[in-house]
Amino acid sequence: RLSWEIFENTLLEQAIQGVDYFTIHAGLLLKYIPMTSNRVTGIVSRGGSIMAKWCLSHHKENFLYKNFEKICKICATYDISLSLGDGLRPGSIHDANDQAQFAELYTLGELTKIAWKYHVQVMIEGPGHVPIDKIKKNMTEQLKHCHEAPFYT
């Protein structure tokens, strides 16, 4: 049964083993999940779908979001970078640049600032399945809201 305590212990165990970075899906908030209801492909990210199911089944906010500063302290202690996972990335071009994707992106920007406060390096996972005419908007939003943190797809 997934819980913050199990997750935290796993992070610490892997930190001690020398992991270089963690992918954390902390930007997927409970209030964003309904925004995916009209998607053609729903939530396609493995980490995103796990966290969405956890939030819905427990009727609670994402424990990674709630404990993000604790995650940052672990990363700072063990010199681990964070890859902020895009759990609500589109799984098809039909869903690209939708409300859910951008809501999560803005939260990833907030989390980036928190990580930097702890001197933790951050990269932002970017989406695939974005048609060429929507890439510019995607990049503009990422650069603006994620403070020019490295963006990769």
N, C-alpha and C. Protein backbone atom coordinates (compact mmCIF):
# COMPACT_ATOMS: atom_id res chain seq x y z
N ARG A 1 0.84 -1.18 0.00
CA ARG A 1 0.00 0.00 0.00
C ARG A 1 0.89 1.24 0.00
N LEU A 2 0.74 2.07 -0.99
CA LEU A 2 1.58 3.26 -1.16
C LEU A 2 1.25 4.32 -0.12
N SER A 3 2.30 4.89 0.47
CA SER A 3 2.13 5.96 1.45
C SER A 3 3.36 6.85 1.41
N TRP A 4 3.25 8.03 2.03
CA TRP A 4 4.40 8.91 2.11
C TRP A 4 5.54 8.22 2.85
N GLU A 5 5.26 7.52 3.91
CA GLU A 5 6.30 6.88 4.71
C GLU A 5 7.09 5.86 3.88
N ILE A 6 6.40 5.04 3.11
CA ILE A 6 7.07 4.06 2.25
C ILE A 6 7.89 4.79 1.19
N PHE A 7 7.31 5.81 0.59
CA PHE A 7 8.00 6.56 -0.45
C PHE A 7 9.25 7.25 0.11
N GLU A 8 9.12 7.89 1.26
CA GLU A 8 10.25 8.58 1.88
C GLU A 8 11.38 7.59 2.19
N ASN A 9 11.04 6.44 2.74
CA ASN A 9 12.06 5.43 3.05
C ASN A 9 12.76 4.95 1.79
N THR A 10 12.01 4.81 0.70
CA THR A 10 12.60 4.39 -0.57
C THR A 10 13.54 5.47 -1.10
N LEU A 11 13.12 6.74 -1.01
CA LEU A 11 14.00 7.84 -1.44
C LEU A 11 15.31 7.81 -0.65
N LEU A 12 15.21 7.68 0.65
CA LEU A 12 16.41 7.66 1.49
C LEU A 12 17.31 6.47 1.15
N GLU A 13 16.71 5.32 0.96
CA GLU A 13 17.47 4.12 0.60
C GLU A 13 18.22 4.34 -0.71
N GLN A 14 17.53 4.88 -1.71
CA GLN A 14 18.16 5.11 -3.00
C GLN A 14 19.18 6.25 -2.94
N ALA A 15 18.93 7.25 -2.11
CA ALA A 15 19.89 8.34 -1.94
C ALA A 15 21.20 7.81 -1.38
N ILE A 16 21.11 6.97 -0.38
CA ILE A 16 22.29 6.37 0.24
C ILE A 16 23.05 5.51 -0.77
N GLN A 17 22.31 4.88 -1.70
CA GLN A 17 22.94 4.05 -2.73
C GLN A 17 23.64 4.88 -3.81
N GLY A 18 23.40 6.19 -3.84
CA GLY A 18 24.11 7.05 -4.78
C GLY A 18 23.35 7.44 -6.03
N VAL A 19 22.03 7.39 -6.00
CA VAL A 19 21.22 7.80 -7.16
C VAL A 19 21.53 9.26 -7.50
N ASP A 20 21.57 9.59 -8.80
CA ASP A 20 21.89 10.94 -9.24
C ASP A 20 20.67 11.85 -9.33
N TYR A 21 19.52 11.29 -9.70
CA TYR A 21 18.31 12.12 -9.76
C TYR A 21 17.07 11.27 -9.50
N PHE A 22 16.05 11.96 -9.03
CA PHE A 22 14.74 11.36 -8.82
C PHE A 22 13.75 12.01 -9.77
N THR A 23 12.89 11.23 -10.37
CA THR A 23 11.73 11.78 -11.08
C THR A 23 10.57 11.76 -10.10
N ILE A 24 10.03 12.93 -9.85
CA ILE A 24 8.97 13.09 -8.85
C ILE A 24 7.75 13.72 -9.52
N HIS A 25 6.61 13.09 -9.37
CA HIS A 25 5.36 13.60 -9.95
C HIS A 25 4.57 14.38 -8.89
N ALA A 26 5.17 15.47 -8.43
CA ALA A 26 4.57 16.26 -7.35
C ALA A 26 3.63 17.35 -7.86
N GLY A 27 3.64 17.62 -9.15
CA GLY A 27 2.82 18.70 -9.70
C GLY A 27 1.40 18.30 -10.04
N LEU A 28 1.11 17.02 -9.98
CA LEU A 28 -0.24 16.54 -10.26
C LEU A 28 -1.07 16.69 -8.99
N LEU A 29 -1.95 17.67 -8.99
CA LEU A 29 -2.77 17.93 -7.81
C LEU A 29 -4.16 17.33 -7.97
N LEU A 30 -4.77 17.04 -6.86
CA LEU A 30 -6.11 16.44 -6.84
C LEU A 30 -7.09 17.26 -7.68
N LYS A 31 -7.04 18.57 -7.58
CA LYS A 31 -7.99 19.42 -8.30
C LYS A 31 -7.77 19.42 -9.82
N TYR A 32 -6.63 18.92 -10.28
CA TYR A 32 -6.36 18.87 -11.73
C TYR A 32 -6.92 17.61 -12.38
N ILE A 33 -7.16 16.58 -11.62
CA ILE A 33 -7.58 15.30 -12.18
C ILE A 33 -8.88 15.41 -12.98
N PRO A 34 -9.90 16.11 -12.50
CA PRO A 34 -11.13 16.24 -13.31
C PRO A 34 -10.91 16.94 -14.65
N MET A 35 -9.85 17.72 -14.76
CA MET A 35 -9.55 18.42 -16.01
C MET A 35 -9.19 17.45 -17.14
N THR A 36 -8.92 16.20 -16.79
CA THR A 36 -8.54 15.20 -17.79
C THR A 36 -9.74 14.40 -18.29
N SER A 37 -10.92 14.67 -17.78
CA SER A 37 -12.09 13.83 -18.08
C SER A 37 -12.51 13.85 -19.54
N ASN A 38 -12.24 14.92 -20.25
CA ASN A 38 -12.63 15.00 -21.67
C ASN A 38 -11.48 14.65 -22.62
N ARG A 39 -10.40 14.17 -22.09
CA ARG A 39 -9.26 13.81 -22.95
C ARG A 39 -9.58 12.56 -23.77
N VAL A 40 -8.96 12.51 -24.93
CA VAL A 40 -9.06 11.31 -25.76
C VAL A 40 -8.29 10.17 -25.10
N THR A 41 -7.11 10.49 -24.56
CA THR A 41 -6.23 9.44 -24.03
C THR A 41 -6.08 9.46 -22.52
N GLY A 42 -6.78 10.32 -21.81
CA GLY A 42 -6.73 10.31 -20.35
C GLY A 42 -5.36 10.64 -19.79
N ILE A 43 -4.99 9.99 -18.71
CA ILE A 43 -3.68 10.18 -18.08
C ILE A 43 -2.79 9.03 -18.53
N VAL A 44 -1.76 9.34 -19.31
CA VAL A 44 -0.93 8.29 -19.91
C VAL A 44 0.39 8.07 -19.17
N SER A 45 0.80 9.00 -18.36
CA SER A 45 2.03 8.86 -17.59
C SER A 45 1.85 7.79 -16.53
N ARG A 46 2.82 6.88 -16.43
CA ARG A 46 2.73 5.83 -15.40
C ARG A 46 2.73 6.45 -14.01
N GLY A 47 3.71 7.32 -13.75
CA GLY A 47 3.76 7.98 -12.44
C GLY A 47 2.54 8.85 -12.20
N GLY A 48 2.09 9.53 -13.25
CA GLY A 48 0.90 10.37 -13.13
C GLY A 48 -0.34 9.57 -12.82
N SER A 49 -0.49 8.43 -13.49
CA SER A 49 -1.69 7.62 -13.25
C SER A 49 -1.67 7.00 -11.86
N ILE A 50 -0.49 6.62 -11.39
CA ILE A 50 -0.38 6.07 -10.03
C ILE A 50 -0.77 7.13 -9.00
N MET A 51 -0.24 8.35 -9.16
CA MET A 51 -0.55 9.40 -8.20
C MET A 51 -2.01 9.83 -8.29
N ALA A 52 -2.56 9.90 -9.50
CA ALA A 52 -3.98 10.27 -9.66
C ALA A 52 -4.88 9.24 -8.98
N LYS A 53 -4.57 7.96 -9.19
CA LYS A 53 -5.38 6.91 -8.54
C LYS A 53 -5.25 6.98 -7.03
N TRP A 54 -4.05 7.26 -6.53
CA TRP A 54 -3.86 7.38 -5.09
C TRP A 54 -4.70 8.54 -4.54
N CYS A 55 -4.61 9.70 -5.19
CA CYS A 55 -5.38 10.87 -4.74
C CYS A 55 -6.87 10.59 -4.72
N LEU A 56 -7.37 9.98 -5.78
CA LEU A 56 -8.81 9.71 -5.87
C LEU A 56 -9.26 8.66 -4.87
N SER A 57 -8.46 7.61 -4.69
CA SER A 57 -8.88 6.54 -3.78
C SER A 57 -8.81 6.97 -2.31
N HIS A 58 -7.92 7.91 -2.00
CA HIS A 58 -7.79 8.38 -0.62
C HIS A 58 -8.51 9.71 -0.38
N HIS A 59 -8.97 10.34 -1.45
CA HIS A 59 -9.61 11.66 -1.35
C HIS A 59 -8.69 12.65 -0.64
N LYS A 60 -7.41 12.60 -1.02
CA LYS A 60 -6.40 13.46 -0.41
C LYS A 60 -5.50 14.06 -1.49
N GLU A 61 -4.82 15.14 -1.09
CA GLU A 61 -3.87 15.77 -1.99
C GLU A 61 -2.65 14.86 -2.18
N ASN A 62 -2.00 15.00 -3.30
CA ASN A 62 -0.79 14.27 -3.65
C ASN A 62 0.24 14.42 -2.52
N PHE A 63 0.64 13.31 -1.94
CA PHE A 63 1.59 13.37 -0.82
C PHE A 63 2.97 13.83 -1.25
N LEU A 64 3.29 13.72 -2.53
CA LEU A 64 4.58 14.23 -3.00
C LEU A 64 4.58 15.75 -3.00
N TYR A 65 3.45 16.32 -3.35
CA TYR A 65 3.30 17.78 -3.31
C TYR A 65 3.34 18.26 -1.86
N LYS A 66 2.59 17.61 -1.00
CA LYS A 66 2.52 18.02 0.40
C LYS A 66 3.87 17.89 1.11
N ASN A 67 4.69 16.97 0.68
CA ASN A 67 5.98 16.72 1.33
C ASN A 67 7.17 17.15 0.47
N PHE A 68 6.92 18.06 -0.46
CA PHE A 68 7.96 18.41 -1.42
C PHE A 68 9.20 19.01 -0.74
N GLU A 69 9.02 19.80 0.28
CA GLU A 69 10.19 20.37 0.95
C GLU A 69 11.03 19.28 1.63
N LYS A 70 10.39 18.26 2.14
CA LYS A 70 11.13 17.12 2.71
C LYS A 70 11.93 16.41 1.61
N ILE A 71 11.32 16.27 0.44
CA ILE A 71 12.03 15.67 -0.70
C ILE A 71 13.24 16.51 -1.05
N CYS A 72 13.07 17.82 -1.06
CA CYS A 72 14.18 18.73 -1.38
C CYS A 72 15.31 18.61 -0.37
N LYS A 73 14.97 18.46 0.90
CA LYS A 73 16.00 18.32 1.93
C LYS A 73 16.81 17.04 1.72
N ILE A 74 16.15 15.96 1.34
CA ILE A 74 16.86 14.71 1.03
C ILE A 74 17.78 14.94 -0.15
N CYS A 75 17.26 15.57 -1.19
CA CYS A 75 18.07 15.82 -2.39
C CYS A 75 19.27 16.70 -2.08
N ALA A 76 19.07 17.73 -1.27
CA ALA A 76 20.17 18.62 -0.91
C ALA A 76 21.23 17.89 -0.10
N THR A 77 20.81 17.05 0.80
CA THR A 77 21.74 16.30 1.65
C THR A 77 22.61 15.35 0.84
N TYR A 78 22.03 14.72 -0.17
CA TYR A 78 22.74 13.70 -0.94
C TYR A 78 23.14 14.16 -2.34
N ASP A 79 23.01 15.46 -2.62
CA ASP A 79 23.37 16.03 -3.92
C ASP A 79 22.67 15.30 -5.07
N ILE A 80 21.36 15.25 -4.98
CA ILE A 80 20.52 14.59 -5.98
C ILE A 80 19.72 15.64 -6.72
N SER A 81 19.68 15.54 -8.03
CA SER A 81 18.87 16.44 -8.85
C SER A 81 17.44 15.93 -8.92
N LEU A 82 16.52 16.85 -9.23
CA LEU A 82 15.12 16.48 -9.41
C LEU A 82 14.69 16.63 -10.85
N SER A 83 14.02 15.64 -11.33
CA SER A 83 13.31 15.70 -12.60
C SER A 83 11.84 15.79 -12.21
N LEU A 84 11.24 16.95 -12.47
CA LEU A 84 9.83 17.12 -12.11
C LEU A 84 8.98 16.54 -13.22
N GLY A 85 8.37 15.41 -12.93
CA GLY A 85 7.61 14.65 -13.92
C GLY A 85 6.31 15.31 -14.30
N ASP A 86 6.00 15.21 -15.59
CA ASP A 86 4.74 15.77 -16.10
C ASP A 86 3.70 14.65 -16.19
N GLY A 87 3.09 14.39 -15.06
CA GLY A 87 2.11 13.31 -14.96
C GLY A 87 0.85 13.54 -15.77
N LEU A 88 0.61 14.78 -16.17
CA LEU A 88 -0.58 15.09 -16.97
C LEU A 88 -0.22 15.48 -18.40
N ARG A 89 0.93 15.00 -18.85
CA ARG A 89 1.32 15.28 -20.24
C ARG A 89 0.29 14.67 -21.19
N PRO A 90 0.16 15.23 -22.38
CA PRO A 90 -0.81 14.68 -23.33
C PRO A 90 -0.32 13.36 -23.91
N GLY A 91 -1.25 12.47 -24.13
CA GLY A 91 -0.94 11.19 -24.76
C GLY A 91 -1.30 11.17 -26.23
N SER A 92 -1.86 12.27 -26.70
CA SER A 92 -2.22 12.40 -28.12
C SER A 92 -2.21 13.88 -28.47
N ILE A 93 -2.10 14.16 -29.76
CA ILE A 93 -2.08 15.57 -30.17
C ILE A 93 -3.41 16.25 -29.86
N HIS A 94 -4.47 15.50 -29.79
CA HIS A 94 -5.78 16.07 -29.45
C HIS A 94 -5.77 16.71 -28.06
N ASP A 95 -5.01 16.14 -27.14
CA ASP A 95 -5.00 16.61 -25.75
C ASP A 95 -3.90 17.64 -25.46
N ALA A 96 -3.07 17.95 -26.45
CA ALA A 96 -1.93 18.85 -26.24
C ALA A 96 -2.39 20.24 -25.82
N ASN A 97 -1.65 20.82 -24.88
CA ASN A 97 -1.86 22.19 -24.40
C ASN A 97 -3.22 22.37 -23.74
N ASP A 98 -3.76 21.33 -23.16
CA ASP A 98 -5.06 21.48 -22.51
C ASP A 98 -4.89 22.06 -21.10
N GLN A 99 -6.01 22.30 -20.47
CA GLN A 99 -6.03 22.92 -19.15
C GLN A 99 -5.26 22.10 -18.12
N ALA A 100 -5.39 20.80 -18.14
CA ALA A 100 -4.70 19.94 -17.18
C ALA A 100 -3.19 20.03 -17.34
N GLN A 101 -2.72 19.97 -18.58
CA GLN A 101 -1.28 20.03 -18.84
C GLN A 101 -0.69 21.34 -18.32
N PHE A 102 -1.33 22.45 -18.63
CA PHE A 102 -0.78 23.74 -18.22
C PHE A 102 -0.95 23.98 -16.72
N ALA A 103 -2.02 23.52 -16.12
CA ALA A 103 -2.19 23.67 -14.67
C ALA A 103 -1.03 22.98 -13.95
N GLU A 104 -0.71 21.76 -14.38
CA GLU A 104 0.40 21.05 -13.77
C GLU A 104 1.72 21.77 -14.05
N LEU A 105 1.91 22.26 -15.26
CA LEU A 105 3.14 22.96 -15.61
C LEU A 105 3.36 24.16 -14.69
N TYR A 106 2.31 24.91 -14.41
CA TYR A 106 2.44 26.07 -13.53
C TYR A 106 2.84 25.63 -12.12
N THR A 107 2.31 24.51 -11.67
CA THR A 107 2.69 23.98 -10.36
C THR A 107 4.14 23.52 -10.37
N LEU A 108 4.59 22.95 -11.47
CA LEU A 108 6.00 22.55 -11.57
C LEU A 108 6.90 23.77 -11.46
N GLY A 109 6.45 24.90 -11.97
CA GLY A 109 7.21 26.14 -11.82
C GLY A 109 7.31 26.56 -10.36
N GLU A 110 6.23 26.44 -9.62
CA GLU A 110 6.25 26.75 -8.18
C GLU A 110 7.20 25.80 -7.45
N LEU A 111 7.15 24.54 -7.81
CA LEU A 111 8.02 23.55 -7.16
C LEU A 111 9.48 23.79 -7.51
N THR A 112 9.75 24.28 -8.71
CA THR A 112 11.12 24.61 -9.12
C THR A 112 11.71 25.64 -8.17
N LYS A 113 10.95 26.68 -7.87
CA LYS A 113 11.43 27.72 -6.96
C LYS A 113 11.71 27.16 -5.57
N ILE A 114 10.87 26.27 -5.12
CA ILE A 114 11.08 25.65 -3.80
C ILE A 114 12.37 24.83 -3.82
N ALA A 115 12.57 24.04 -4.86
CA ALA A 115 13.79 23.22 -4.96
C ALA A 115 15.03 24.10 -4.99
N TRP A 116 14.98 25.18 -5.75
CA TRP A 116 16.12 26.09 -5.83
C TRP A 116 16.43 26.73 -4.48
N LYS A 117 15.42 26.95 -3.67
CA LYS A 117 15.62 27.49 -2.33
C LYS A 117 16.53 26.56 -1.52
N TYR A 118 16.47 25.26 -1.82
CA TYR A 118 17.30 24.26 -1.15
C TYR A 118 18.57 23.94 -1.96
N HIS A 119 18.82 24.71 -3.01
CA HIS A 119 19.98 24.51 -3.89
C HIS A 119 19.96 23.15 -4.58
N VAL A 120 18.77 22.70 -4.93
CA VAL A 120 18.59 21.44 -5.64
C VAL A 120 18.41 21.75 -7.12
N GLN A 121 19.19 21.07 -7.96
CA GLN A 121 19.05 21.24 -9.41
C GLN A 121 17.74 20.62 -9.89
N VAL A 122 17.12 21.29 -10.86
CA VAL A 122 15.81 20.86 -11.35
C VAL A 122 15.81 20.82 -12.87
N MET A 123 15.18 19.80 -13.41
CA MET A 123 14.83 19.77 -14.83
C MET A 123 13.34 19.45 -14.90
N ILE A 124 12.69 19.96 -15.93
CA ILE A 124 11.25 19.80 -16.09
C ILE A 124 11.00 18.84 -17.24
N GLU A 125 10.23 17.79 -16.98
CA GLU A 125 9.85 16.88 -18.06
C GLU A 125 8.85 17.58 -18.97
N GLY A 126 9.14 17.56 -20.24
CA GLY A 126 8.24 18.16 -21.22
C GLY A 126 7.45 17.09 -21.94
N PRO A 127 6.39 17.52 -22.58
CA PRO A 127 5.49 16.56 -23.23
C PRO A 127 5.97 16.12 -24.61
N GLY A 128 5.48 15.01 -25.03
CA GLY A 128 5.52 14.61 -26.43
C GLY A 128 4.12 14.84 -26.96
N HIS A 129 3.84 14.38 -28.13
CA HIS A 129 2.49 14.46 -28.69
C HIS A 129 1.95 15.88 -28.75
N VAL A 130 2.82 16.82 -29.11
CA VAL A 130 2.40 18.21 -29.29
C VAL A 130 2.55 18.54 -30.77
N PRO A 131 1.45 18.90 -31.44
CA PRO A 131 1.56 19.23 -32.86
C PRO A 131 2.40 20.49 -33.06
N ILE A 132 3.01 20.60 -34.21
CA ILE A 132 3.97 21.67 -34.47
C ILE A 132 3.38 23.06 -34.22
N ASP A 133 2.11 23.25 -34.49
CA ASP A 133 1.52 24.58 -34.30
C ASP A 133 1.27 24.92 -32.82
N LYS A 134 1.49 23.98 -31.91
CA LYS A 134 1.29 24.24 -30.48
C LYS A 134 2.61 24.23 -29.69
N ILE A 135 3.71 23.95 -30.36
CA ILE A 135 5.00 23.88 -29.67
C ILE A 135 5.41 25.24 -29.12
N LYS A 136 5.25 26.30 -29.91
CA LYS A 136 5.67 27.63 -29.46
C LYS A 136 4.94 28.01 -28.18
N LYS A 137 3.64 27.82 -28.13
CA LYS A 137 2.86 28.14 -26.93
C LYS A 137 3.36 27.32 -25.74
N ASN A 138 3.65 26.05 -25.99
CA ASN A 138 4.14 25.17 -24.93
C ASN A 138 5.46 25.69 -24.38
N MET A 139 6.37 26.06 -25.26
CA MET A 139 7.68 26.56 -24.83
C MET A 139 7.56 27.91 -24.13
N THR A 140 6.71 28.78 -24.64
CA THR A 140 6.51 30.09 -24.03
C THR A 140 6.02 29.94 -22.59
N GLU A 141 5.04 29.07 -22.39
CA GLU A 141 4.50 28.85 -21.05
C GLU A 141 5.55 28.23 -20.12
N GLN A 142 6.32 27.29 -20.64
CA GLN A 142 7.33 26.63 -19.81
C GLN A 142 8.40 27.63 -19.38
N LEU A 143 8.92 28.39 -20.33
CA LEU A 143 9.98 29.34 -20.00
C LEU A 143 9.49 30.38 -18.98
N LYS A 144 8.28 30.85 -19.18
CA LYS A 144 7.72 31.88 -18.29
C LYS A 144 7.44 31.33 -16.90
N HIS A 145 6.74 30.23 -16.82
CA HIS A 145 6.26 29.74 -15.53
C HIS A 145 7.25 28.84 -14.80
N CYS A 146 8.21 28.27 -15.52
CA CYS A 146 9.21 27.40 -14.88
C CYS A 146 10.57 28.08 -14.77
N HIS A 147 10.59 29.39 -15.02
CA HIS A 147 11.76 30.21 -14.73
C HIS A 147 13.00 29.76 -15.50
N GLU A 148 12.76 29.29 -16.72
CA GLU A 148 13.82 28.84 -17.63
C GLU A 148 14.61 27.64 -17.11
N ALA A 149 14.00 26.87 -16.24
CA ALA A 149 14.63 25.61 -15.82
C ALA A 149 14.76 24.72 -17.05
N PRO A 150 15.78 23.87 -17.11
CA PRO A 150 15.93 22.99 -18.27
C PRO A 150 14.66 22.16 -18.52
N PHE A 151 14.30 22.07 -19.78
CA PHE A 151 13.06 21.42 -20.22
C PHE A 151 13.47 20.33 -21.19
N TYR A 152 13.04 19.11 -20.97
CA TYR A 152 13.41 18.04 -21.89
C TYR A 152 12.21 17.19 -22.23
N THR A 153 12.27 16.57 -23.40
CA THR A 153 11.19 15.68 -23.84
C THR A 153 11.78 14.33 -24.19
